[in-house]
Amino acid sequence: MIDSNKLHSAIKAIQDLIIEARNLAYLNQPTEKIADLLDGVEYLPGLILLQEDKTEWFESYLEEICTKYNYPGIMIRYHKGYTK
Protein backbone atom coordinates (compact mmCIF):
# COMPACT_ATOMS: atom_id res chain seq x y z
CA MET A 1 0.00 0.00 0.00
CA ILE A 2 0.97 3.60 -0.18
CA ASP A 3 -0.06 6.59 1.90
CA SER A 4 -3.79 7.04 1.29
CA ASN A 5 -3.25 10.77 0.78
CA LYS A 6 -1.05 9.95 -2.22
CA LEU A 7 -3.15 7.18 -3.75
CA HIS A 8 -5.01 9.41 -6.23
CA SER A 9 -1.74 10.95 -7.45
CA ALA A 10 -0.11 7.52 -7.68
CA ILE A 11 -2.86 6.17 -9.91
CA LYS A 12 -2.78 9.29 -12.08
CA ALA A 13 1.02 9.00 -12.42
CA ILE A 14 0.66 5.39 -13.58
CA GLN A 15 -1.99 6.51 -16.05
CA ASP A 16 0.32 9.25 -17.36
CA LEU A 17 3.13 6.73 -17.86
CA ILE A 18 0.82 4.47 -19.85
CA ILE A 19 -0.19 7.45 -21.98
CA GLU A 20 3.49 8.21 -22.59
CA ALA A 21 4.06 4.60 -23.67
CA ARG A 22 1.20 4.92 -26.14
CA ASN A 23 2.71 8.17 -27.43
CA LEU A 24 6.00 6.37 -28.03
CA ALA A 25 4.12 3.81 -30.11
CA TYR A 26 2.45 6.55 -32.17
CA LEU A 27 5.88 8.06 -32.77
CA ASN A 28 7.10 4.67 -34.06
CA GLN A 29 9.73 4.38 -31.34
CA PRO A 30 11.49 1.01 -31.02
CA THR A 31 9.33 -1.63 -29.40
CA GLU A 32 12.18 -2.41 -27.01
CA LYS A 33 11.97 1.12 -25.60
CA ILE A 34 8.21 0.88 -25.15
CA ALA A 35 8.48 -2.56 -23.57
CA ASP A 36 11.18 -1.36 -21.19
CA LEU A 37 9.01 1.55 -20.06
CA LEU A 38 6.01 -0.73 -19.55
CA ASP A 39 8.16 -3.25 -17.66
CA GLY A 40 8.84 -0.49 -15.16
CA VAL A 41 5.25 0.71 -15.02
CA GLU A 42 3.85 -2.76 -14.33
CA TYR A 43 5.70 -2.90 -10.99
CA LEU A 44 3.99 0.20 -9.57
CA PRO A 45 0.42 -1.13 -9.05
CA GLY A 46 1.83 -4.10 -7.17
CA LEU A 47 3.39 -1.76 -4.63
CA ILE A 48 -0.02 -0.16 -4.06
CA LEU A 49 -1.58 -3.57 -3.38
CA LEU A 50 0.91 -4.79 -0.78
CA GLN A 51 -0.20 -4.86 2.88
CA GLU A 52 2.81 -2.95 4.22
CA ASP A 53 3.48 0.72 3.47
CA LYS A 54 5.59 0.98 0.31
CA THR A 55 5.16 4.72 -0.31
CA GLU A 56 8.92 5.36 -0.31
CA TRP A 57 9.53 2.45 -2.68
CA PHE A 58 6.76 3.66 -5.00
CA GLU A 59 8.13 7.20 -5.08
CA SER A 60 11.70 6.04 -5.60
CA TYR A 61 10.75 3.73 -8.45
CA LEU A 62 8.46 6.34 -10.03
CA GLU A 63 11.28 8.87 -9.91
CA GLU A 64 13.67 6.36 -11.47
CA ILE A 65 11.28 5.77 -14.38
CA CYS A 66 10.56 9.48 -14.86
CA THR A 67 14.27 10.30 -14.84
CA LYS A 68 15.19 7.51 -17.24
CA TYR A 69 12.55 8.55 -19.77
CA ASN A 70 12.71 12.30 -19.12
CA TYR A 71 9.17 12.76 -17.80
CA PRO A 72 9.78 15.33 -15.06
CA GLY A 73 6.23 16.64 -15.35
CA ILE A 74 4.81 13.37 -14.07
CA MET A 75 6.99 13.54 -10.96
CA ILE A 76 6.09 17.21 -10.39
CA ARG A 77 2.36 16.49 -10.69
CA TYR A 78 2.69 13.49 -8.36
CA HIS A 79 4.33 15.60 -5.65
CA LYS A 80 2.02 18.61 -6.13
CA GLY A 81 -1.03 16.39 -6.22
CA TYR A 82 -3.17 15.93 -9.29
CA THR A 83 -6.43 17.82 -9.28
CA LYS A 84 -9.38 15.52 -8.79
C-alpha atoms as a PDB file:
ATOM      1  CA  MET A   1       0.000   0.000   0.000  1.00  0.00           C
ATOM      2  CA  ILE A   2       0.971   3.598  -0.182  1.00  0.00           C
ATOM      3  CA  ASP A   3      -0.058   6.588   1.901  1.00  0.00           C
ATOM      4  CA  SER A   4      -3.789   7.038   1.293  1.00  0.00           C
ATOM      5  CA  ASN A   5      -3.246  10.772   0.779  1.00  0.00           C
ATOM      6  CA  LYS A   6      -1.048   9.947  -2.217  1.00  0.00           C
ATOM      7  CA  LEU A   7      -3.151   7.183  -3.746  1.00  0.00           C
ATOM      8  CA  HIS A   8      -5.006   9.412  -6.235  1.00  0.00           C
ATOM      9  CA  SER A   9      -1.742  10.951  -7.452  1.00  0.00           C
ATOM     10  CA  ALA A  10      -0.107   7.524  -7.684  1.00  0.00           C
ATOM     11  CA  ILE A  11      -2.860   6.170  -9.914  1.00  0.00           C
ATOM     12  CA  LYS A  12      -2.784   9.287 -12.082  1.00  0.00           C
ATOM     13  CA  ALA A  13       1.017   9.000 -12.419  1.00  0.00           C
ATOM     14  CA  ILE A  14       0.659   5.393 -13.578  1.00  0.00           C
ATOM     15  CA  GLN A  15      -1.989   6.511 -16.055  1.00  0.00           C
ATOM     16  CA  ASP A  16       0.323   9.248 -17.361  1.00  0.00           C
ATOM     17  CA  LEU A  17       3.135   6.733 -17.855  1.00  0.00           C
ATOM     18  CA  ILE A  18       0.819   4.468 -19.846  1.00  0.00           C
ATOM     19  CA  ILE A  19      -0.195   7.452 -21.985  1.00  0.00           C
ATOM     20  CA  GLU A  20       3.488   8.211 -22.589  1.00  0.00           C
ATOM     21  CA  ALA A  21       4.055   4.603 -23.667  1.00  0.00           C
ATOM     22  CA  ARG A  22       1.203   4.920 -26.136  1.00  0.00           C
ATOM     23  CA  ASN A  23       2.714   8.167 -27.434  1.00  0.00           C
ATOM     24  CA  LEU A  24       6.004   6.368 -28.028  1.00  0.00           C
ATOM     25  CA  ALA A  25       4.123   3.806 -30.111  1.00  0.00           C
ATOM     26  CA  TYR A  26       2.445   6.551 -32.165  1.00  0.00           C
ATOM     27  CA  LEU A  27       5.879   8.063 -32.766  1.00  0.00           C
ATOM     28  CA  ASN A  28       7.103   4.674 -34.059  1.00  0.00           C
ATOM     29  CA  GLN A  29       9.728   4.380 -31.343  1.00  0.00           C
ATOM     30  CA  PRO A  30      11.487   1.012 -31.021  1.00  0.00           C
ATOM     31  CA  THR A  31       9.332  -1.633 -29.400  1.00  0.00           C
ATOM     32  CA  GLU A  32      12.184  -2.409 -27.006  1.00  0.00           C
ATOM     33  CA  LYS A  33      11.974   1.124 -25.604  1.00  0.00           C
ATOM     34  CA  ILE A  34       8.210   0.877 -25.148  1.00  0.00           C
ATOM     35  CA  ALA A  35       8.479  -2.563 -23.568  1.00  0.00           C
ATOM     36  CA  ASP A  36      11.185  -1.362 -21.193  1.00  0.00           C
ATOM     37  CA  LEU A  37       9.008   1.550 -20.064  1.00  0.00           C
ATOM     38  CA  LEU A  38       6.007  -0.725 -19.553  1.00  0.00           C
ATOM     39  CA  ASP A  39       8.161  -3.245 -17.660  1.00  0.00           C
ATOM     40  CA  GLY A  40       8.841  -0.489 -15.157  1.00  0.00           C
ATOM     41  CA  VAL A  41       5.252   0.709 -15.019  1.00  0.00           C
ATOM     42  CA  GLU A  42       3.851  -2.761 -14.335  1.00  0.00           C
ATOM     43  CA  TYR A  43       5.705  -2.897 -10.995  1.00  0.00           C
ATOM     44  CA  LEU A  44       3.991   0.203  -9.569  1.00  0.00           C
ATOM     45  CA  PRO A  45       0.416  -1.127  -9.048  1.00  0.00           C
ATOM     46  CA  GLY A  46       1.830  -4.098  -7.172  1.00  0.00           C
ATOM     47  CA  LEU A  47       3.392  -1.757  -4.626  1.00  0.00           C
ATOM     48  CA  ILE A  48      -0.016  -0.160  -4.056  1.00  0.00           C
ATOM     49  CA  LEU A  49      -1.582  -3.568  -3.381  1.00  0.00           C
ATOM     50  CA  LEU A  50       0.908  -4.794  -0.775  1.00  0.00           C
ATOM     51  CA  GLN A  51      -0.198  -4.857   2.882  1.00  0.00           C
ATOM     52  CA  GLU A  52       2.813  -2.945   4.224  1.00  0.00           C
ATOM     53  CA  ASP A  53       3.478   0.717   3.468  1.00  0.00           C
ATOM     54  CA  LYS A  54       5.587   0.978   0.306  1.00  0.00           C
ATOM     55  CA  THR A  55       5.164   4.718  -0.311  1.00  0.00           C
ATOM     56  CA  GLU A  56       8.915   5.357  -0.307  1.00  0.00           C
ATOM     57  CA  TRP A  57       9.534   2.448  -2.684  1.00  0.00           C
ATOM     58  CA  PHE A  58       6.760   3.661  -4.998  1.00  0.00           C
ATOM     59  CA  GLU A  59       8.128   7.198  -5.081  1.00  0.00           C
ATOM     60  CA  SER A  60      11.696   6.039  -5.599  1.00  0.00           C
ATOM     61  CA  TYR A  61      10.745   3.735  -8.452  1.00  0.00           C
ATOM     62  CA  LEU A  62       8.457   6.344 -10.032  1.00  0.00           C
ATOM     63  CA  GLU A  63      11.285   8.867  -9.909  1.00  0.00           C
ATOM     64  CA  GLU A  64      13.673   6.355 -11.474  1.00  0.00           C
ATOM     65  CA  ILE A  65      11.281   5.773 -14.385  1.00  0.00           C
ATOM     66  CA  CYS A  66      10.562   9.482 -14.861  1.00  0.00           C
ATOM     67  CA  THR A  67      14.267  10.300 -14.839  1.00  0.00           C
ATOM     68  CA  LYS A  68      15.190   7.505 -17.238  1.00  0.00           C
ATOM     69  CA  TYR A  69      12.547   8.547 -19.772  1.00  0.00           C
ATOM     70  CA  ASN A  70      12.709  12.297 -19.124  1.00  0.00           C
ATOM     71  CA  TYR A  71       9.168  12.759 -17.798  1.00  0.00           C
ATOM     72  CA  PRO A  72       9.782  15.334 -15.057  1.00  0.00           C
ATOM     73  CA  GLY A  73       6.230  16.644 -15.353  1.00  0.00           C
ATOM     74  CA  ILE A  74       4.807  13.370 -14.067  1.00  0.00           C
ATOM     75  CA  MET A  75       6.986  13.543 -10.964  1.00  0.00           C
ATOM     76  CA  ILE A  76       6.091  17.207 -10.394  1.00  0.00           C
ATOM     77  CA  ARG A  77       2.356  16.486 -10.687  1.00  0.00           C
ATOM     78  CA  TYR A  78       2.694  13.493  -8.361  1.00  0.00           C
ATOM     79  CA  HIS A  79       4.325  15.604  -5.646  1.00  0.00           C
ATOM     80  CA  LYS A  80       2.020  18.609  -6.127  1.00  0.00           C
ATOM     81  CA  GLY A  81      -1.035  16.395  -6.216  1.00  0.00           C
ATOM     82  CA  TYR A  82      -3.170  15.927  -9.286  1.00  0.00           C
ATOM     83  CA  THR A  83      -6.426  17.823  -9.278  1.00  0.00           C
ATOM     84  CA  LYS A  84      -9.381  15.524  -8.789  1.00  0.00           C
END
